[in-house]
Amino acid sequence: MKKQKILVIGAGGQLGTELVQGLWKVYGEENVIATDIKDPQGILTRARFEILDVLKQKHLFDFIQKNEITQIYHLAAVLSATGEKNPKFAWHLNMDGLIHVLDAAVEFKLEKVYWPSSIAVFGPTTPRHNTPQDTVMSPTTIYGITKLAGERWCEWYYRNKGVDVRSLRYPGLIGYKSKPGGGTTDYAVDIFFKALTEKKYECFLKPDAYLPMMYMDDAVKATIDLMEAPAEKVKVRSSYNISAMSFCPADIAAEIKKHIPDFEITYNPDFRQQIAESWPASIDDSAARMDWHWKPQFDLASMTKEILQHLPHLLAQEA
């Protein structure tokens, strides 16, 4: 079997930081190259890290060739709330970056490519509850528009160029090992930091704004499980629905109060509430469960307990 050399683009983000660690466990630190446009932080400083801008196509191609890359995990993107502030750059990075990677897969005959999609591909005309794998998709954010277009590019490159590209439509991802990155669901990350440091949190969504969510450990597991699945098991070549739980700000606040009784939450909805209202409240991920046996390990209670157990140690290290 050919030795794998894994390139992670956009490794410094919330997902990338933890996915890199998951890939270390599978392939060994020496076979995973983490890259971003900014210097590494935290745990990413312990293994190989390079500065790489996916928009510079020649540099990307030279890097892949020089390092004999066999697989790419392409995570670099402008997220939902940030993308609304700078829509043309969000389109430029999210689209051109993906196409550069897909073209590289053709040029260098890469074994596999991973690219994340999002529940942002759905919209206000999509069924909000138990959103199907195949349904109406009418995104209202630039982020969602780029993800929908990206799904179509991925399937086109698979069918017309033979690129083994795989994708998941992530719900809101919740982790504690890096700070929030500008997404609408990031309240569910920030709330834990504020609960421990200030005992209070002002939420930019309404208390009953239900959204599909997933603990980062499950997201990493799902990503690697999909990439490790035999090609014939991967039936969806646009992007798989994936989910673990659905909750609203009031639900997560109540769960935190079980551990921190004096925690208080207030609500001051902003433009992100409209984004949240255009997204599903729950997801049907039966295709992923059937095709490659996806199954989450964490619910709201177990995730909250896990984060509040480990985050204080991380905050103490940063102090």
C-alpha atoms as a PDB file:
ATOM      1  CA  MET A   1       0.000   0.000   0.000  1.00  0.00           C
ATOM      2  CA  LYS A   2       1.331   3.432  -0.967  1.00  0.00           C
ATOM      3  CA  LYS A   3       2.478   5.564   1.969  1.00  0.00           C
ATOM      4  CA  GLN A   4       0.046   8.401   2.605  1.00  0.00           C
ATOM      5  CA  LYS A   5       1.116  12.034   2.824  1.00  0.00           C
ATOM      6  CA  ILE A   6      -1.733  14.213   4.051  1.00  0.00           C
ATOM      7  CA  LEU A   7      -2.022  17.960   3.405  1.00  0.00           C
ATOM      8  CA  VAL A   8      -4.450  19.961   5.571  1.00  0.00           C
ATOM      9  CA  ILE A   9      -5.223  23.431   4.187  1.00  0.00           C
ATOM     10  CA  GLY A  10      -6.742  25.869   6.663  1.00  0.00           C
ATOM     11  CA  ALA A  11      -5.485  23.828   9.618  1.00  0.00           C
ATOM     12  CA  GLY A  12      -5.457  26.762  12.027  1.00  0.00           C
ATOM     13  CA  GLY A  13      -9.243  27.016  12.276  1.00  0.00           C
ATOM     14  CA  GLN A  14     -11.529  25.461  14.853  1.00  0.00           C
ATOM     15  CA  LEU A  15     -12.121  22.256  12.866  1.00  0.00           C
ATOM     16  CA  GLY A  16      -8.609  22.055  11.436  1.00  0.00           C
ATOM     17  CA  THR A  17      -6.887  22.206  14.806  1.00  0.00           C
ATOM     18  CA  GLU A  18      -8.697  19.110  16.014  1.00  0.00           C
ATOM     19  CA  LEU A  19      -8.853  17.262  12.696  1.00  0.00           C
ATOM     20  CA  VAL A  20      -5.052  17.474  12.399  1.00  0.00           C
ATOM     21  CA  GLN A  21      -4.761  15.748  15.778  1.00  0.00           C
ATOM     22  CA  GLY A  22      -7.150  13.025  14.615  1.00  0.00           C
ATOM     23  CA  LEU A  23      -5.097  12.524  11.459  1.00  0.00           C
ATOM     24  CA  TRP A  24      -1.895  12.278  13.519  1.00  0.00           C
ATOM     25  CA  LYS A  25      -3.395   9.278  15.307  1.00  0.00           C
ATOM     26  CA  VAL A  26      -4.224   7.540  12.008  1.00  0.00           C
ATOM     27  CA  TYR A  27      -1.188   8.399   9.864  1.00  0.00           C
ATOM     28  CA  GLY A  28       1.490   9.588  12.322  1.00  0.00           C
ATOM     29  CA  GLU A  29       2.624  13.173  12.865  1.00  0.00           C
ATOM     30  CA  GLU A  30       5.392  12.825  10.295  1.00  0.00           C
ATOM     31  CA  ASN A  31       2.869  12.120   7.494  1.00  0.00           C
ATOM     32  CA  VAL A  32       0.513  15.061   8.099  1.00  0.00           C
ATOM     33  CA  ILE A  33       1.431  18.565   6.939  1.00  0.00           C
ATOM     34  CA  ALA A  34      -0.714  21.283   8.512  1.00  0.00           C
ATOM     35  CA  THR A  35      -0.870  24.594   6.630  1.00  0.00           C
ATOM     36  CA  ASP A  36      -2.535  27.983   6.974  1.00  0.00           C
ATOM     37  CA  ILE A  37      -1.914  31.613   6.035  1.00  0.00           C
ATOM     38  CA  LYS A  38      -1.074  32.499   9.654  1.00  0.00           C
ATOM     39  CA  ASP A  39       1.574  31.165  12.014  1.00  0.00           C
ATOM     40  CA  PRO A  40       0.583  28.085  14.043  1.00  0.00           C
ATOM     41  CA  GLN A  41      -0.898  28.339  17.521  1.00  0.00           C
ATOM     42  CA  GLY A  42      -1.030  25.898  20.413  1.00  0.00           C
ATOM     43  CA  ILE A  43      -0.739  22.206  19.639  1.00  0.00           C
ATOM     44  CA  LEU A  44      -0.101  22.795  15.920  1.00  0.00           C
ATOM     45  CA  THR A  45       3.392  24.050  16.806  1.00  0.00           C
ATOM     46  CA  ARG A  46       4.462  20.576  17.897  1.00  0.00           C
ATOM     47  CA  ALA A  47       4.540  18.979  14.416  1.00  0.00           C
ATOM     48  CA  ARG A  48       5.197  20.073  10.856  1.00  0.00           C
ATOM     49  CA  PHE A  49       3.433  23.292   9.877  1.00  0.00           C
ATOM     50  CA  GLU A  50       3.892  25.431   6.747  1.00  0.00           C
ATOM     51  CA  ILE A  51       2.492  28.750   5.561  1.00  0.00           C
ATOM     52  CA  LEU A  52       0.395  28.099   2.440  1.00  0.00           C
ATOM     53  CA  ASP A  53      -2.116  30.293   0.606  1.00  0.00           C
ATOM     54  CA  VAL A  54      -4.511  28.140  -1.435  1.00  0.00           C
ATOM     55  CA  LEU A  55      -5.313  31.115  -3.672  1.00  0.00           C
ATOM     56  CA  LYS A  56      -1.738  31.065  -5.007  1.00  0.00           C
ATOM     57  CA  GLN A  57      -2.185  28.172  -7.399  1.00  0.00           C
ATOM     58  CA  LYS A  58       1.430  27.781  -8.563  1.00  0.00           C
ATOM     59  CA  HIS A  59       2.684  27.739  -4.968  1.00  0.00           C
ATOM     60  CA  LEU A  60       0.020  25.141  -4.107  1.00  0.00           C
ATOM     61  CA  PHE A  61       0.957  22.924  -7.052  1.00  0.00           C
ATOM     62  CA  ASP A  62       4.677  23.206  -6.290  1.00  0.00           C
ATOM     63  CA  PHE A  63       4.019  22.345  -2.645  1.00  0.00           C
ATOM     64  CA  ILE A  64       1.972  19.237  -3.532  1.00  0.00           C
ATOM     65  CA  GLN A  65       4.606  18.011  -5.980  1.00  0.00           C
ATOM     66  CA  LYS A  66       7.567  18.691  -3.688  1.00  0.00           C
ATOM     67  CA  ASN A  67       5.972  16.933  -0.705  1.00  0.00           C
ATOM     68  CA  GLU A  68       4.468  14.025  -2.693  1.00  0.00           C
ATOM     69  CA  ILE A  69       1.004  14.679  -1.281  1.00  0.00           C
ATOM     70  CA  THR A  70      -1.535  11.848  -1.705  1.00  0.00           C
ATOM     71  CA  GLN A  71      -4.612  13.321   0.062  1.00  0.00           C
ATOM     72  CA  ILE A  72      -5.848  16.845   0.740  1.00  0.00           C
ATOM     73  CA  TYR A  73      -8.236  18.028   3.436  1.00  0.00           C
ATOM     74  CA  HIS A  74      -9.214  21.491   2.198  1.00  0.00           C
ATOM     75  CA  LEU A  75     -10.771  23.469   5.066  1.00  0.00           C
ATOM     76  CA  ALA A  76      -9.862  27.090   4.265  1.00  0.00           C
ATOM     77  CA  ALA A  77     -13.031  29.204   4.019  1.00  0.00           C
ATOM     78  CA  VAL A  78     -14.712  32.419   5.103  1.00  0.00           C
ATOM     79  CA  LEU A  79     -17.556  31.443   7.466  1.00  0.00           C
ATOM     80  CA  SER A  80     -21.177  32.598   7.544  1.00  0.00           C
ATOM     81  CA  ALA A  81     -21.268  35.776   9.647  1.00  0.00           C
ATOM     82  CA  THR A  82     -17.864  36.948   8.436  1.00  0.00           C
ATOM     83  CA  GLY A  83     -18.808  36.250   4.820  1.00  0.00           C
ATOM     84  CA  GLU A  84     -21.787  38.620   5.006  1.00  0.00           C
ATOM     85  CA  LYS A  85     -19.400  41.463   5.857  1.00  0.00           C
ATOM     86  CA  ASN A  86     -17.086  40.791   2.905  1.00  0.00           C
ATOM     87  CA  PRO A  87     -19.097  38.779   0.366  1.00  0.00           C
ATOM     88  CA  LYS A  88     -16.839  39.131  -2.670  1.00  0.00           C
ATOM     89  CA  PHE A  89     -13.756  37.953  -0.811  1.00  0.00           C
ATOM     90  CA  ALA A  90     -15.790  35.069   0.683  1.00  0.00           C
ATOM     91  CA  TRP A  91     -16.751  34.000  -2.862  1.00  0.00           C
ATOM     92  CA  HIS A  92     -13.142  34.376  -4.046  1.00  0.00           C
ATOM     93  CA  LEU A  93     -11.608  32.291  -1.261  1.00  0.00           C
ATOM     94  CA  ASN A  94     -14.345  29.684  -0.956  1.00  0.00           C
ATOM     95  CA  MET A  95     -14.684  29.060  -4.701  1.00  0.00           C
ATOM     96  CA  ASP A  96     -11.244  29.642  -6.191  1.00  0.00           C
ATOM     97  CA  GLY A  97      -9.545  27.801  -3.344  1.00  0.00           C
ATOM     98  CA  LEU A  98     -11.705  24.728  -3.918  1.00  0.00           C
ATOM     99  CA  ILE A  99     -11.188  24.752  -7.671  1.00  0.00           C
ATOM    100  CA  HIS A 100      -7.418  25.049  -7.216  1.00  0.00           C
ATOM    101  CA  VAL A 101      -7.503  21.950  -4.999  1.00  0.00           C
ATOM    102  CA  LEU A 102      -9.731  19.990  -7.409  1.00  0.00           C
ATOM    103  CA  ASP A 103      -7.486  20.923 -10.330  1.00  0.00           C
ATOM    104  CA  ALA A 104      -4.479  19.779  -8.287  1.00  0.00           C
ATOM    105  CA  ALA A 105      -6.228  16.454  -7.665  1.00  0.00           C
ATOM    106  CA  VAL A 106      -6.525  15.991 -11.445  1.00  0.00           C
ATOM    107  CA  GLU A 107      -2.972  17.186 -12.173  1.00  0.00           C
ATOM    108  CA  PHE A 108      -1.258  15.002  -9.560  1.00  0.00           C
ATOM    109  CA  LYS A 109      -3.745  12.099  -9.505  1.00  0.00           C
ATOM    110  CA  LEU A 110      -4.385  12.496  -5.788  1.00  0.00           C
ATOM    111  CA  GLU A 111      -6.037   9.513  -4.109  1.00  0.00           C
ATOM    112  CA  LYS A 112      -8.679  11.508  -2.220  1.00  0.00           C
ATOM    113  CA  VAL A 113      -9.838  15.045  -1.460  1.00  0.00           C
ATOM    114  CA  TYR A 114     -11.962  16.149   1.486  1.00  0.00           C
ATOM    115  CA  TRP A 115     -13.950  19.393   1.393  1.00  0.00           C
ATOM    116  CA  PRO A 116     -16.492  20.451   4.036  1.00  0.00           C
ATOM    117  CA  SER A 117     -19.952  21.707   3.160  1.00  0.00           C
ATOM    118  CA  SER A 118     -22.511  23.013   5.668  1.00  0.00           C
ATOM    119  CA  ILE A 119     -26.172  23.191   6.628  1.00  0.00           C
ATOM    120  CA  ALA A 120     -25.868  26.737   5.219  1.00  0.00           C
ATOM    121  CA  VAL A 121     -26.629  25.217   1.773  1.00  0.00           C
ATOM    122  CA  PHE A 122     -30.249  25.020   2.894  1.00  0.00           C
ATOM    123  CA  GLY A 123     -32.552  28.032   3.104  1.00  0.00           C
ATOM    124  CA  PRO A 124     -35.923  29.355   4.231  1.00  0.00           C
ATOM    125  CA  THR A 125     -37.835  27.256   1.663  1.00  0.00           C
ATOM    126  CA  THR A 126     -36.118  24.037   2.805  1.00  0.00           C
ATOM    127  CA  PRO A 127     -38.093  21.781   5.195  1.00  0.00           C
ATOM    128  CA  ARG A 128     -36.765  22.912   8.587  1.00  0.00           C
ATOM    129  CA  HIS A 129     -37.384  19.740  10.573  1.00  0.00           C
ATOM    130  CA  ASN A 130     -35.637  16.478   9.726  1.00  0.00           C
ATOM    131  CA  THR A 131     -34.226  18.139   6.590  1.00  0.00           C
ATOM    132  CA  PRO A 132     -33.775  15.427   3.915  1.00  0.00           C
ATOM    133  CA  GLN A 133     -30.543  14.557   2.115  1.00  0.00           C
ATOM    134  CA  ASP A 134     -32.074  15.640  -1.214  1.00  0.00           C
ATOM    135  CA  THR A 135     -34.362  18.638  -0.922  1.00  0.00           C
ATOM    136  CA  VAL A 136     -34.925  22.277  -1.860  1.00  0.00           C
ATOM    137  CA  MET A 137     -31.706  24.270  -1.412  1.00  0.00           C
ATOM    138  CA  SER A 138     -32.058  28.051  -1.403  1.00  0.00           C
ATOM    139  CA  PRO A 139     -29.222  29.553   0.652  1.00  0.00           C
ATOM    140  CA  THR A 140     -29.527  33.203   1.655  1.00  0.00           C
ATOM    141  CA  THR A 141     -25.937  33.794   2.800  1.00  0.00           C
ATOM    142  CA  ILE A 142     -22.819  34.125   0.665  1.00  0.00           C
ATOM    143  CA  TYR A 143     -21.317  31.300   2.730  1.00  0.00           C
ATOM    144  CA  GLY A 144     -24.267  29.051   1.895  1.00  0.00           C
ATOM    145  CA  ILE A 145     -24.164  30.043  -1.772  1.00  0.00           C
ATOM    146  CA  THR A 146     -20.468  29.134  -1.969  1.00  0.00           C
ATOM    147  CA  LYS A 147     -21.071  25.815  -0.235  1.00  0.00           C
ATOM    148  CA  LEU A 148     -23.921  24.905  -2.597  1.00  0.00           C
ATOM    149  CA  ALA A 149     -21.801  25.839  -5.612  1.00  0.00           C
ATOM    150  CA  GLY A 150     -18.895  23.893  -4.101  1.00  0.00           C
ATOM    151  CA  GLU A 151     -21.030  20.769  -3.774  1.00  0.00           C
ATOM    152  CA  ARG A 152     -21.867  20.980  -7.463  1.00  0.00           C
ATOM    153  CA  TRP A 153     -18.196  21.435  -8.380  1.00  0.00           C
ATOM    154  CA  CYS A 154     -17.231  18.402  -6.264  1.00  0.00           C
ATOM    155  CA  GLU A 155     -19.797  16.169  -7.930  1.00  0.00           C
ATOM    156  CA  TRP A 156     -18.808  17.485 -11.382  1.00  0.00           C
ATOM    157  CA  TYR A 157     -15.113  16.738 -10.780  1.00  0.00           C
ATOM    158  CA  TYR A 158     -16.040  13.257  -9.507  1.00  0.00           C
ATOM    159  CA  ARG A 159     -18.205  12.427 -12.524  1.00  0.00           C
ATOM    160  CA  ASN A 160     -16.146  14.137 -15.237  1.00  0.00           C
ATOM    161  CA  LYS A 161     -12.564  14.012 -13.963  1.00  0.00           C
ATOM    162  CA  GLY A 162     -12.617  10.945 -11.711  1.00  0.00           C
ATOM    163  CA  VAL A 163     -11.615  12.858  -8.563  1.00  0.00           C
ATOM    164  CA  ASP A 164     -12.443  10.906  -5.387  1.00  0.00           C
ATOM    165  CA  VAL A 165     -13.752  13.936  -3.514  1.00  0.00           C
ATOM    166  CA  ARG A 166     -15.822  13.468  -0.361  1.00  0.00           C
ATOM    167  CA  SER A 167     -17.806  15.913   1.742  1.00  0.00           C
ATOM    168  CA  LEU A 168     -19.993  16.380   4.806  1.00  0.00           C
ATOM    169  CA  ARG A 169     -22.622  19.048   5.440  1.00  0.00           C
ATOM    170  CA  TYR A 170     -21.563  20.007   8.939  1.00  0.00           C
ATOM    171  CA  PRO A 171     -24.061  21.326  11.454  1.00  0.00           C
ATOM    172  CA  GLY A 172     -22.775  23.758  14.077  1.00  0.00           C
ATOM    173  CA  LEU A 173     -19.479  22.393  15.421  1.00  0.00           C
ATOM    174  CA  ILE A 174     -18.677  22.782  19.094  1.00  0.00           C
ATOM    175  CA  GLY A 175     -15.169  22.461  20.470  1.00  0.00           C
ATOM    176  CA  TYR A 176     -13.057  24.134  23.116  1.00  0.00           C
ATOM    177  CA  LYS A 177      -9.466  23.766  21.857  1.00  0.00           C
ATOM    178  CA  SER A 178      -9.593  26.902  19.688  1.00  0.00           C
ATOM    179  CA  LYS A 179     -11.602  30.127  19.750  1.00  0.00           C
ATOM    180  CA  PRO A 180     -14.757  30.724  17.644  1.00  0.00           C
ATOM    181  CA  GLY A 181     -14.137  31.602  13.995  1.00  0.00           C
ATOM    182  CA  GLY A 182     -17.050  33.819  12.932  1.00  0.00           C
ATOM    183  CA  GLY A 183     -19.908  31.381  12.400  1.00  0.00           C
ATOM    184  CA  THR A 184     -23.566  31.748  13.342  1.00  0.00           C
ATOM    185  CA  THR A 185     -23.474  28.625  15.508  1.00  0.00           C
ATOM    186  CA  ASP A 186     -20.345  29.803  17.362  1.00  0.00           C
ATOM    187  CA  TYR A 187     -22.422  31.006  20.314  1.00  0.00           C
ATOM    188  CA  ALA A 188     -22.384  27.367  21.434  1.00  0.00           C
ATOM    189  CA  VAL A 189     -18.584  27.528  21.637  1.00  0.00           C
ATOM    190  CA  ASP A 190     -18.228  30.994  23.166  1.00  0.00           C
ATOM    191  CA  ILE A 191     -20.841  30.294  25.848  1.00  0.00           C
ATOM    192  CA  PHE A 192     -18.534  27.776  27.563  1.00  0.00           C
ATOM    193  CA  PHE A 193     -15.600  30.203  27.676  1.00  0.00           C
ATOM    194  CA  LYS A 194     -17.832  32.951  29.112  1.00  0.00           C
ATOM    195  CA  ALA A 195     -19.518  30.582  31.581  1.00  0.00           C
ATOM    196  CA  LEU A 196     -16.167  29.704  33.124  1.00  0.00           C
ATOM    197  CA  THR A 197     -14.508  33.124  32.989  1.00  0.00           C
ATOM    198  CA  GLU A 198     -17.434  35.520  33.603  1.00  0.00           C
ATOM    199  CA  LYS A 199     -20.372  33.333  34.764  1.00  0.00           C
ATOM    200  CA  LYS A 200     -22.565  35.140  32.222  1.00  0.00           C
ATOM    201  CA  TYR A 201     -23.137  35.262  28.462  1.00  0.00           C
ATOM    202  CA  GLU A 202     -25.026  37.589  26.120  1.00  0.00           C
ATOM    203  CA  CYS A 203     -26.350  35.522  23.234  1.00  0.00           C
ATOM    204  CA  PHE A 204     -26.808  36.931  19.719  1.00  0.00           C
ATOM    205  CA  LEU A 205     -29.615  34.443  18.996  1.00  0.00           C
ATOM    206  CA  LYS A 206     -33.090  34.131  20.514  1.00  0.00           C
ATOM    207  CA  PRO A 207     -33.535  31.601  23.355  1.00  0.00           C
ATOM    208  CA  ASP A 208     -35.597  29.217  21.181  1.00  0.00           C
ATOM    209  CA  ALA A 209     -33.370  29.282  18.052  1.00  0.00           C
ATOM    210  CA  TYR A 210     -32.973  25.538  17.430  1.00  0.00           C
ATOM    211  CA  LEU A 211     -30.068  24.451  15.227  1.00  0.00           C
ATOM    212  CA  PRO A 212     -28.390  21.103  14.460  1.00  0.00           C
ATOM    213  CA  MET A 213     -25.132  20.761  16.370  1.00  0.00           C
ATOM    214  CA  MET A 214     -22.226  18.362  16.789  1.00  0.00           C
ATOM    215  CA  TYR A 215     -19.373  18.009  19.262  1.00  0.00           C
ATOM    216  CA  MET A 216     -15.996  18.393  17.612  1.00  0.00           C
ATOM    217  CA  ASP A 217     -14.861  14.868  18.525  1.00  0.00           C
ATOM    218  CA  ASP A 218     -17.809  13.492  16.559  1.00  0.00           C
ATOM    219  CA  ALA A 219     -17.052  15.817  13.620  1.00  0.00           C
ATOM    220  CA  VAL A 220     -13.453  14.593  13.462  1.00  0.00           C
ATOM    221  CA  LYS A 221     -14.580  10.978  13.721  1.00  0.00           C
ATOM    222  CA  ALA A 222     -17.196  11.447  10.973  1.00  0.00           C
ATOM    223  CA  THR A 223     -14.682  13.115   8.675  1.00  0.00           C
ATOM    224  CA  ILE A 224     -12.045  10.416   9.042  1.00  0.00           C
ATOM    225  CA  ASP A 225     -14.637   7.620   8.890  1.00  0.00           C
ATOM    226  CA  LEU A 226     -15.943   9.000   5.578  1.00  0.00           C
ATOM    227  CA  MET A 227     -12.431   9.318   4.147  1.00  0.00           C
ATOM    228  CA  GLU A 228     -11.504   5.805   5.276  1.00  0.00           C
ATOM    229  CA  ALA A 229     -14.682   4.246   3.821  1.00  0.00           C
ATOM    230  CA  PRO A 230     -14.262   2.171   0.633  1.00  0.00           C
ATOM    231  CA  ALA A 231     -15.041   4.269  -2.447  1.00  0.00           C
ATOM    232  CA  GLU A 232     -17.981   2.044  -3.412  1.00  0.00           C
ATOM    233  CA  LYS A 233     -19.656   2.822  -0.059  1.00  0.00           C
ATOM    234  CA  VAL A 234     -19.592   6.575  -0.734  1.00  0.00           C
ATOM    235  CA  LYS A 235     -22.809   6.952  -2.700  1.00  0.00           C
ATOM    236  CA  VAL A 236     -23.299  10.719  -2.246  1.00  0.00           C
ATOM    237  CA  ARG A 237     -20.742  12.792  -4.165  1.00  0.00           C
ATOM    238  CA  SER A 238     -22.192  16.231  -3.485  1.00  0.00           C
ATOM    239  CA  SER A 239     -22.151  16.198   0.339  1.00  0.00           C
ATOM    240  CA  TYR A 240     -23.637  14.018   3.087  1.00  0.00           C
ATOM    241  CA  ASN A 241     -26.107  15.331   5.658  1.00  0.00           C
ATOM    242  CA  ILE A 242     -24.627  14.719   9.087  1.00  0.00           C
ATOM    243  CA  SER A 243     -25.922  15.491  12.562  1.00  0.00           C
ATOM    244  CA  ALA A 244     -25.741  14.493  16.208  1.00  0.00           C
ATOM    245  CA  MET A 245     -28.158  16.703  18.209  1.00  0.00           C
ATOM    246  CA  SER A 246     -30.351  19.787  17.964  1.00  0.00           C
ATOM    247  CA  PHE A 247     -30.745  22.387  20.706  1.00  0.00           C
ATOM    248  CA  CYS A 248     -31.407  26.087  21.295  1.00  0.00           C
ATOM    249  CA  PRO A 249     -29.522  28.629  23.467  1.00  0.00           C
ATOM    250  CA  ALA A 250     -31.962  28.103  26.343  1.00  0.00           C
ATOM    251  CA  ASP A 251     -31.248  24.347  26.286  1.00  0.00           C
ATOM    252  CA  ILE A 252     -27.462  24.693  26.447  1.00  0.00           C
ATOM    253  CA  ALA A 253     -27.716  27.385  29.143  1.00  0.00           C
ATOM    254  CA  ALA A 254     -29.862  25.062  31.271  1.00  0.00           C
ATOM    255  CA  GLU A 255     -27.333  22.255  30.829  1.00  0.00           C
ATOM    256  CA  ILE A 256     -24.436  24.535  31.836  1.00  0.00           C
ATOM    257  CA  LYS A 257     -26.371  25.680  34.950  1.00  0.00           C
ATOM    258  CA  LYS A 258     -26.402  22.062  36.157  1.00  0.00           C
ATOM    259  CA  HIS A 259     -22.616  22.386  36.501  1.00  0.00           C
ATOM    260  CA  ILE A 260     -22.331  26.170  37.186  1.00  0.00           C
ATOM    261  CA  PRO A 261     -25.507  27.097  39.117  1.00  0.00           C
ATOM    262  CA  ASP A 262     -24.825  30.857  39.142  1.00  0.00           C
ATOM    263  CA  PHE A 263     -24.367  31.085  35.363  1.00  0.00           C
ATOM    264  CA  GLU A 264     -26.682  33.630  33.700  1.00  0.00           C
ATOM    265  CA  ILE A 265     -27.628  34.119  30.047  1.00  0.00           C
ATOM    266  CA  THR A 266     -29.171  37.178  28.421  1.00  0.00           C
ATOM    267  CA  TYR A 267     -30.327  37.624  24.831  1.00  0.00           C
ATOM    268  CA  ASN A 268     -29.595  40.390  22.331  1.00  0.00           C
ATOM    269  CA  PRO A 269     -30.361  38.971  18.867  1.00  0.00           C
ATOM    270  CA  ASP A 270     -28.509  40.530  15.917  1.00  0.00           C
ATOM    271  CA  PHE A 271     -28.258  39.804  12.161  1.00  0.00           C
ATOM    272  CA  ARG A 272     -27.156  36.245  12.916  1.00  0.00           C
ATOM    273  CA  GLN A 273     -30.674  35.436  14.147  1.00  0.00           C
ATOM    274  CA  GLN A 274     -31.953  35.874  10.575  1.00  0.00           C
ATOM    275  CA  ILE A 275     -29.221  33.547   9.326  1.00  0.00           C
ATOM    276  CA  ALA A 276     -30.198  30.946  11.942  1.00  0.00           C
ATOM    277  CA  GLU A 277     -33.866  31.178  10.949  1.00  0.00           C
ATOM    278  CA  SER A 278     -32.949  30.321   7.351  1.00  0.00           C
ATOM    279  CA  TRP A 279     -31.235  27.082   8.408  1.00  0.00           C
ATOM    280  CA  PRO A 280     -32.692  23.700   9.445  1.00  0.00           C
ATOM    281  CA  ALA A 281     -33.678  22.980  13.032  1.00  0.00           C
ATOM    282  CA  SER A 282     -32.876  19.262  12.671  1.00  0.00           C
ATOM    283  CA  ILE A 283     -31.257  17.046  10.030  1.00  0.00           C
ATOM    284  CA  ASP A 284     -32.007  13.642   8.519  1.00  0.00           C
ATOM    285  CA  ASP A 285     -28.606  11.961   8.156  1.00  0.00           C
ATOM    286  CA  SER A 286     -29.907   8.464   7.402  1.00  0.00           C
ATOM    287  CA  ALA A 287     -27.891   8.249   4.150  1.00  0.00           C
ATOM    288  CA  ALA A 288     -24.596   8.608   6.068  1.00  0.00           C
ATOM    289  CA  ARG A 289     -25.783   6.104   8.686  1.00  0.00           C
ATOM    290  CA  MET A 290     -26.730   3.587   6.002  1.00  0.00           C
ATOM    291  CA  ASP A 291     -23.841   4.026   3.535  1.00  0.00           C
ATOM    292  CA  TRP A 292     -20.835   4.099   5.883  1.00  0.00           C
ATOM    293  CA  HIS A 293     -22.419   3.435   9.293  1.00  0.00           C
ATOM    294  CA  TRP A 294     -22.148   6.913  10.813  1.00  0.00           C
ATOM    295  CA  LYS A 295     -23.177   7.152  14.467  1.00  0.00           C
ATOM    296  CA  PRO A 296     -22.506  10.061  16.873  1.00  0.00           C
ATOM    297  CA  GLN A 297     -21.126   9.438  20.352  1.00  0.00           C
ATOM    298  CA  PHE A 298     -22.095  12.689  22.135  1.00  0.00           C
ATOM    299  CA  ASP A 299     -25.395  14.331  23.066  1.00  0.00           C
ATOM    300  CA  LEU A 300     -25.885  17.730  24.757  1.00  0.00           C
ATOM    301  CA  ALA A 301     -25.430  16.418  28.307  1.00  0.00           C
ATOM    302  CA  SER A 302     -22.287  14.370  27.638  1.00  0.00           C
ATOM    303  CA  MET A 303     -20.762  17.144  25.510  1.00  0.00           C
ATOM    304  CA  THR A 304     -21.359  19.801  28.186  1.00  0.00           C
ATOM    305  CA  LYS A 305     -19.847  17.601  30.882  1.00  0.00           C
ATOM    306  CA  GLU A 306     -16.793  16.876  28.711  1.00  0.00           C
ATOM    307  CA  ILE A 307     -16.112  20.527  27.834  1.00  0.00           C
ATOM    308  CA  LEU A 308     -16.567  21.848  31.370  1.00  0.00           C
ATOM    309  CA  GLN A 309     -14.238  19.116  32.610  1.00  0.00           C
ATOM    310  CA  HIS A 310     -11.385  19.941  30.202  1.00  0.00           C
ATOM    311  CA  LEU A 311     -11.698  23.656  29.358  1.00  0.00           C
ATOM    312  CA  PRO A 312     -10.575  24.990  32.784  1.00  0.00           C
ATOM    313  CA  HIS A 313      -7.195  23.313  32.323  1.00  0.00           C
ATOM    314  CA  LEU A 314      -6.812  24.964  28.910  1.00  0.00           C
ATOM    315  CA  LEU A 315      -7.775  28.387  30.285  1.00  0.00           C
ATOM    316  CA  ALA A 316      -5.274  27.974  33.123  1.00  0.00           C
ATOM    317  CA  GLN A 317      -2.505  27.295  30.620  1.00  0.00           C
ATOM    318  CA  GLU A 318      -3.365  30.487  28.725  1.00  0.00           C
ATOM    319  CA  ALA A 319      -3.515  32.644  31.854  1.00  0.00           C
END
